[in-house]
């Protein structure tokens, strides 16, 4: 359970940190693009691990 929470925290913070850094350094268009691309990609990676244990429920 702790591993799942850590993965969720990392996958949610990575796009925010990257977009914030891009915005801070003046790449405002790229910051929006980073959020739009990284969120679905990291969500897919997070959900992929969730479906490995078909018989188990939280």
PDB file of N, CA and C in Angstrom:
ATOM      1  N   UNK A   1       0.821  -1.188   0.000  1.00  0.00           N
ATOM      2  CA  UNK A   1       0.000   0.000   0.000  1.00  0.00           C
ATOM      3  C   UNK A   1       0.871   1.260   0.000  1.00  0.00           C
ATOM      4  N   UNK A   2       1.963   1.248   0.752  1.00  0.00           N
ATOM      5  CA  UNK A   2       2.843   2.419   0.788  1.00  0.00           C
ATOM      6  C   UNK A   2       3.511   2.643  -0.560  1.00  0.00           C
ATOM      7  N   UNK A   3       3.824   1.559  -1.260  1.00  0.00           N
ATOM      8  CA  UNK A   3       4.435   1.693  -2.584  1.00  0.00           C
ATOM      9  C   UNK A   3       3.458   2.372  -3.539  1.00  0.00           C
ATOM     10  N   UNK A   4       2.193   2.003  -3.455  1.00  0.00           N
ATOM     11  CA  UNK A   4       1.173   2.584  -4.323  1.00  0.00           C
ATOM     12  C   UNK A   4       1.035   4.083  -4.062  1.00  0.00           C
ATOM     13  N   UNK A   5       1.049   4.474  -2.830  1.00  0.00           N
ATOM     14  CA  UNK A   5       0.924   5.888  -2.483  1.00  0.00           C
ATOM     15  C   UNK A   5       2.145   6.666  -2.967  1.00  0.00           C
ATOM     16  N   UNK A   6       3.324   6.092  -2.810  1.00  0.00           N
ATOM     17  CA  UNK A   6       4.535   6.773  -3.278  1.00  0.00           C
ATOM     18  C   UNK A   6       4.530   6.933  -4.794  1.00  0.00           C
ATOM     19  N   UNK A   7       4.091   5.908  -5.516  1.00  0.00           N
ATOM     20  CA  UNK A   7       4.015   6.002  -6.977  1.00  0.00           C
ATOM     21  C   UNK A   7       3.019   7.086  -7.376  1.00  0.00           C
ATOM     22  N   UNK A   8       1.894   7.159  -6.693  1.00  0.00           N
ATOM     23  CA  UNK A   8       0.901   8.190  -6.994  1.00  0.00           C
ATOM     24  C   UNK A   8       1.468   9.586  -6.742  1.00  0.00           C
ATOM     25  N   UNK A   9       2.172   9.760  -5.647  1.00  0.00           N
ATOM     26  CA  UNK A   9       2.749  11.066  -5.330  1.00  0.00           C
ATOM     27  C   UNK A   9       3.776  11.464  -6.375  1.00  0.00           C
ATOM     28  N   UNK A  10       4.653  10.543  -6.726  1.00  0.00           N
ATOM     29  CA  UNK A  10       5.687  10.846  -7.718  1.00  0.00           C
ATOM     30  C   UNK A  10       5.063  11.160  -9.075  1.00  0.00           C
ATOM     31  N   UNK A  11       4.117  10.357  -9.498  1.00  0.00           N
ATOM     32  CA  UNK A  11       3.514  10.557 -10.816  1.00  0.00           C
ATOM     33  C   UNK A  11       2.678  11.831 -10.883  1.00  0.00           C
ATOM     34  N   UNK A  12       2.181  12.290  -9.788  1.00  0.00           N
ATOM     35  CA  UNK A  12       1.417  13.542  -9.792  1.00  0.00           C
ATOM     36  C   UNK A  12       2.338  14.754  -9.668  1.00  0.00           C
ATOM     37  N   UNK A  13       3.426  14.618  -8.945  1.00  0.00           N
ATOM     38  CA  UNK A  13       4.319  15.747  -8.746  1.00  0.00           C
ATOM     39  C   UNK A  13       5.270  15.994  -9.910  1.00  0.00           C
ATOM     40  N   UNK A  14       5.660  14.962 -10.619  1.00  0.00           N
ATOM     41  CA  UNK A  14       6.617  15.119 -11.721  1.00  0.00           C
ATOM     42  C   UNK A  14       6.122  16.117 -12.767  1.00  0.00           C
ATOM     43  N   UNK A  15       4.889  15.979 -13.288  1.00  0.00           N
ATOM     44  CA  UNK A  15       4.457  16.967 -14.277  1.00  0.00           C
ATOM     45  C   UNK A  15       4.343  18.377 -13.711  1.00  0.00           C
ATOM     46  N   UNK A  16       3.934  18.494 -12.469  1.00  0.00           N
ATOM     47  CA  UNK A  16       3.796  19.812 -11.864  1.00  0.00           C
ATOM     48  C   UNK A  16       5.164  20.470 -11.688  1.00  0.00           C
ATOM     49  N   UNK A  17       6.142  19.714 -11.249  1.00  0.00           N
ATOM     50  CA  UNK A  17       7.490  20.257 -11.059  1.00  0.00           C
ATOM     51  C   UNK A  17       8.109  20.643 -12.394  1.00  0.00           C
ATOM     52  N   UNK A  18       7.982  19.782 -13.395  1.00  0.00           N
ATOM     53  CA  UNK A  18       8.548  20.081 -14.710  1.00  0.00           C
ATOM     54  C   UNK A  18       7.878  21.301 -15.324  1.00  0.00           C
ATOM     55  N   UNK A  19       6.555  21.350 -15.265  1.00  0.00           N
ATOM     56  CA  UNK A  19       5.841  22.493 -15.826  1.00  0.00           C
ATOM     57  C   UNK A  19       6.177  23.775 -15.068  1.00  0.00           C
ATOM     58  N   UNK A  20       6.290  23.682 -13.758  1.00  0.00           N
ATOM     59  CA  UNK A  20       6.663  24.851 -12.970  1.00  0.00           C
ATOM     60  C   UNK A  20       8.052  25.358 -13.322  1.00  0.00           C
ATOM     61  N   UNK A  21       8.985  24.445 -13.506  1.00  0.00           N
ATOM     62  CA  UNK A  21      10.341  24.843 -13.884  1.00  0.00           C
ATOM     63  C   UNK A  21      10.344  25.475 -15.273  1.00  0.00           C
ATOM     64  N   UNK A  22       9.613  24.893 -16.207  1.00  0.00           N
ATOM     65  CA  UNK A  22       9.544  25.472 -17.548  1.00  0.00           C
ATOM     66  C   UNK A  22       8.911  26.862 -17.509  1.00  0.00           C
ATOM     67  N   UNK A  23       7.853  27.002 -16.745  1.00  0.00           N
ATOM     68  CA  UNK A  23       7.183  28.304 -16.630  1.00  0.00           C
ATOM     69  C   UNK A  23       8.104  29.336 -15.980  1.00  0.00           C
ATOM     70  N   UNK A  24       8.815  28.921 -14.957  1.00  0.00           N
ATOM     71  CA  UNK A  24       9.729  29.816 -14.249  1.00  0.00           C
ATOM     72  C   UNK A  24      10.841  30.328 -15.154  1.00  0.00           C
ATOM     73  N   UNK A  25      11.348  29.465 -16.023  1.00  0.00           N
ATOM     74  CA  UNK A  25      12.441  29.843 -16.914  1.00  0.00           C
ATOM     75  C   UNK A  25      11.963  30.474 -18.220  1.00  0.00           C
ATOM     76  N   UNK A  26      10.663  30.752 -18.318  1.00  0.00           N
ATOM     77  CA  UNK A  26      10.161  31.512 -19.456  1.00  0.00           C
ATOM     78  C   UNK A  26       9.589  30.699 -20.598  1.00  0.00           C
ATOM     79  N   UNK A  27       9.462  29.413 -20.443  1.00  0.00           N
ATOM     80  CA  UNK A  27       8.914  28.552 -21.496  1.00  0.00           C
ATOM     81  C   UNK A  27       7.448  28.260 -21.195  1.00  0.00           C
ATOM     82  N   UNK A  28       6.601  29.276 -21.255  1.00  0.00           N
ATOM     83  CA  UNK A  28       5.209  29.145 -20.835  1.00  0.00           C
ATOM     84  C   UNK A  28       4.422  28.199 -21.738  1.00  0.00           C
ATOM     85  N   UNK A  29       4.665  28.248 -23.037  1.00  0.00           N
ATOM     86  CA  UNK A  29       3.964  27.357 -23.966  1.00  0.00           C
ATOM     87  C   UNK A  29       4.374  25.910 -23.717  1.00  0.00           C
ATOM     88  N   UNK A  30       5.653  25.695 -23.485  1.00  0.00           N
ATOM     89  CA  UNK A  30       6.138  24.346 -23.233  1.00  0.00           C
ATOM     90  C   UNK A  30       5.648  23.803 -21.894  1.00  0.00           C
ATOM     91  N   UNK A  31       5.421  24.678 -20.938  1.00  0.00           N
ATOM     92  CA  UNK A  31       4.908  24.241 -19.642  1.00  0.00           C
ATOM     93  C   UNK A  31       3.513  23.652 -19.799  1.00  0.00           C
ATOM     94  N   UNK A  32       2.672  24.310 -20.561  1.00  0.00           N
ATOM     95  CA  UNK A  32       1.328  23.798 -20.815  1.00  0.00           C
ATOM     96  C   UNK A  32       1.388  22.486 -21.591  1.00  0.00           C
ATOM     97  N   UNK A  33       2.254  22.416 -22.567  1.00  0.00           N
ATOM     98  CA  UNK A  33       2.411  21.190 -23.358  1.00  0.00           C
ATOM     99  C   UNK A  33       2.930  20.049 -22.489  1.00  0.00           C
ATOM    100  N   UNK A  34       3.844  20.351 -21.583  1.00  0.00           N
ATOM    101  CA  UNK A  34       4.385  19.315 -20.698  1.00  0.00           C
ATOM    102  C   UNK A  34       3.295  18.726 -19.825  1.00  0.00           C
ATOM    103  N   UNK A  35       2.432  19.577 -19.286  1.00  0.00           N
ATOM    104  CA  UNK A  35       1.320  19.089 -18.459  1.00  0.00           C
ATOM    105  C   UNK A  35       0.391  18.220 -19.294  1.00  0.00           C
ATOM    106  N   UNK A  36       0.080  18.679 -20.489  1.00  0.00           N
ATOM    107  CA  UNK A  36      -0.861  17.946 -21.343  1.00  0.00           C
ATOM    108  C   UNK A  36      -0.310  16.592 -21.768  1.00  0.00           C
ATOM    109  N   UNK A  37       0.990  16.462 -21.918  1.00  0.00           N
ATOM    110  CA  UNK A  37       1.581  15.198 -22.344  1.00  0.00           C
ATOM    111  C   UNK A  37       1.971  14.296 -21.182  1.00  0.00           C
ATOM    112  N   UNK A  38       2.537  14.868 -20.140  1.00  0.00           N
ATOM    113  CA  UNK A  38       3.041  14.048 -19.040  1.00  0.00           C
ATOM    114  C   UNK A  38       1.930  13.454 -18.180  1.00  0.00           C
ATOM    115  N   UNK A  39       0.862  14.178 -17.988  1.00  0.00           N
ATOM    116  CA  UNK A  39      -0.216  13.653 -17.140  1.00  0.00           C
ATOM    117  C   UNK A  39      -0.789  12.339 -17.679  1.00  0.00           C
ATOM    118  N   UNK A  40      -1.196  12.266 -18.946  1.00  0.00           N
ATOM    119  CA  UNK A  40      -1.735  10.995 -19.434  1.00  0.00           C
ATOM    120  C   UNK A  40      -0.688   9.876 -19.495  1.00  0.00           C
ATOM    121  N   UNK A  41       0.535  10.235 -19.838  1.00  0.00           N
ATOM    122  CA  UNK A  41       1.584   9.215 -19.936  1.00  0.00           C
ATOM    123  C   UNK A  41       1.876   8.618 -18.554  1.00  0.00           C
ATOM    124  N   UNK A  42       2.045   9.463 -17.550  1.00  0.00           N
ATOM    125  CA  UNK A  42       2.328   8.956 -16.207  1.00  0.00           C
ATOM    126  C   UNK A  42       1.115   8.254 -15.604  1.00  0.00           C
ATOM    127  N   UNK A  43      -0.076   8.693 -15.957  1.00  0.00           N
ATOM    128  CA  UNK A  43      -1.285   8.014 -15.480  1.00  0.00           C
ATOM    129  C   UNK A  43      -1.355   6.613 -16.070  1.00  0.00           C
ATOM    130  N   UNK A  44      -1.031   6.473 -17.335  1.00  0.00           N
ATOM    131  CA  UNK A  44      -1.008   5.148 -17.963  1.00  0.00           C
ATOM    132  C   UNK A  44       0.007   4.245 -17.264  1.00  0.00           C
ATOM    133  N   UNK A  45       1.191   4.747 -16.998  1.00  0.00           N
ATOM    134  CA  UNK A  45       2.209   3.937 -16.336  1.00  0.00           C
ATOM    135  C   UNK A  45       1.769   3.527 -14.932  1.00  0.00           C
ATOM    136  N   UNK A  46       1.091   4.426 -14.255  1.00  0.00           N
ATOM    137  CA  UNK A  46       0.608   4.130 -12.908  1.00  0.00           C
ATOM    138  C   UNK A  46      -0.484   3.054 -12.962  1.00  0.00           C
ATOM    139  N   UNK A  47      -1.395   3.160 -13.903  1.00  0.00           N
ATOM    140  CA  UNK A  47      -2.513   2.223 -13.996  1.00  0.00           C
ATOM    141  C   UNK A  47      -2.070   0.853 -14.520  1.00  0.00           C
ATOM    142  N   UNK A  48      -1.025   0.823 -15.314  1.00  0.00           N
ATOM    143  CA  UNK A  48      -0.517  -0.438 -15.858  1.00  0.00           C
ATOM    144  C   UNK A  48      -0.119  -1.385 -14.734  1.00  0.00           C
ATOM    145  N   UNK A  49       0.544  -0.879 -13.709  1.00  0.00           N
ATOM    146  CA  UNK A  49       0.949  -1.709 -12.579  1.00  0.00           C
ATOM    147  C   UNK A  49      -0.246  -2.147 -11.744  1.00  0.00           C
ATOM    148  N   UNK A  50      -1.285  -1.358 -11.734  1.00  0.00           N
ATOM    149  CA  UNK A  50      -2.457  -1.669 -10.932  1.00  0.00           C
ATOM    150  C   UNK A  50      -3.192  -2.905 -11.452  1.00  0.00           C
ATOM    151  N   UNK A  51      -3.159  -3.133 -12.748  1.00  0.00           N
ATOM    152  CA  UNK A  51      -3.908  -4.228 -13.340  1.00  0.00           C
ATOM    153  C   UNK A  51      -3.125  -5.544 -13.417  1.00  0.00           C
ATOM    154  N   UNK A  52      -1.935  -5.589 -12.870  1.00  0.00           N
ATOM    155  CA  UNK A  52      -1.151  -6.824 -12.879  1.00  0.00           C
ATOM    156  C   UNK A  52      -1.728  -7.872 -11.938  1.00  0.00           C
ATOM    157  N   UNK A  53      -2.285  -7.452 -10.819  1.00  0.00           N
ATOM    158  CA  UNK A  53      -2.851  -8.372  -9.833  1.00  0.00           C
ATOM    159  C   UNK A  53      -4.372  -8.453 -10.041  1.00  0.00           C
ATOM    160  N   UNK A  54      -4.790  -9.289 -10.995  1.00  0.00           N
ATOM    161  CA  UNK A  54      -6.198  -9.347 -11.360  1.00  0.00           C
ATOM    162  C   UNK A  54      -7.079  -9.882 -10.243  1.00  0.00           C
ATOM    163  N   UNK A  55      -6.598 -10.840  -9.491  1.00  0.00           N
ATOM    164  CA  UNK A  55      -7.429 -11.470  -8.468  1.00  0.00           C
ATOM    165  C   UNK A  55      -7.460 -10.703  -7.161  1.00  0.00           C
ATOM    166  N   UNK A  56      -6.568  -9.770  -6.977  1.00  0.00           N
ATOM    167  CA  UNK A  56      -6.485  -9.066  -5.701  1.00  0.00           C
ATOM    168  C   UNK A  56      -7.206  -7.735  -5.780  1.00  0.00           C
ATOM    169  N   UNK A  57      -7.815  -7.403  -4.671  1.00  0.00           N
ATOM    170  CA  UNK A  57      -8.419  -6.086  -4.532  1.00  0.00           C
ATOM    171  C   UNK A  57      -7.703  -5.408  -3.382  1.00  0.00           C
ATOM    172  N   UNK A  58      -7.619  -4.117  -3.385  1.00  0.00           N
ATOM    173  CA  UNK A  58      -6.884  -3.374  -2.361  1.00  0.00           C
ATOM    174  C   UNK A  58      -6.939  -4.106  -1.074  1.00  0.00           C
TER     175      UNK A  58
END
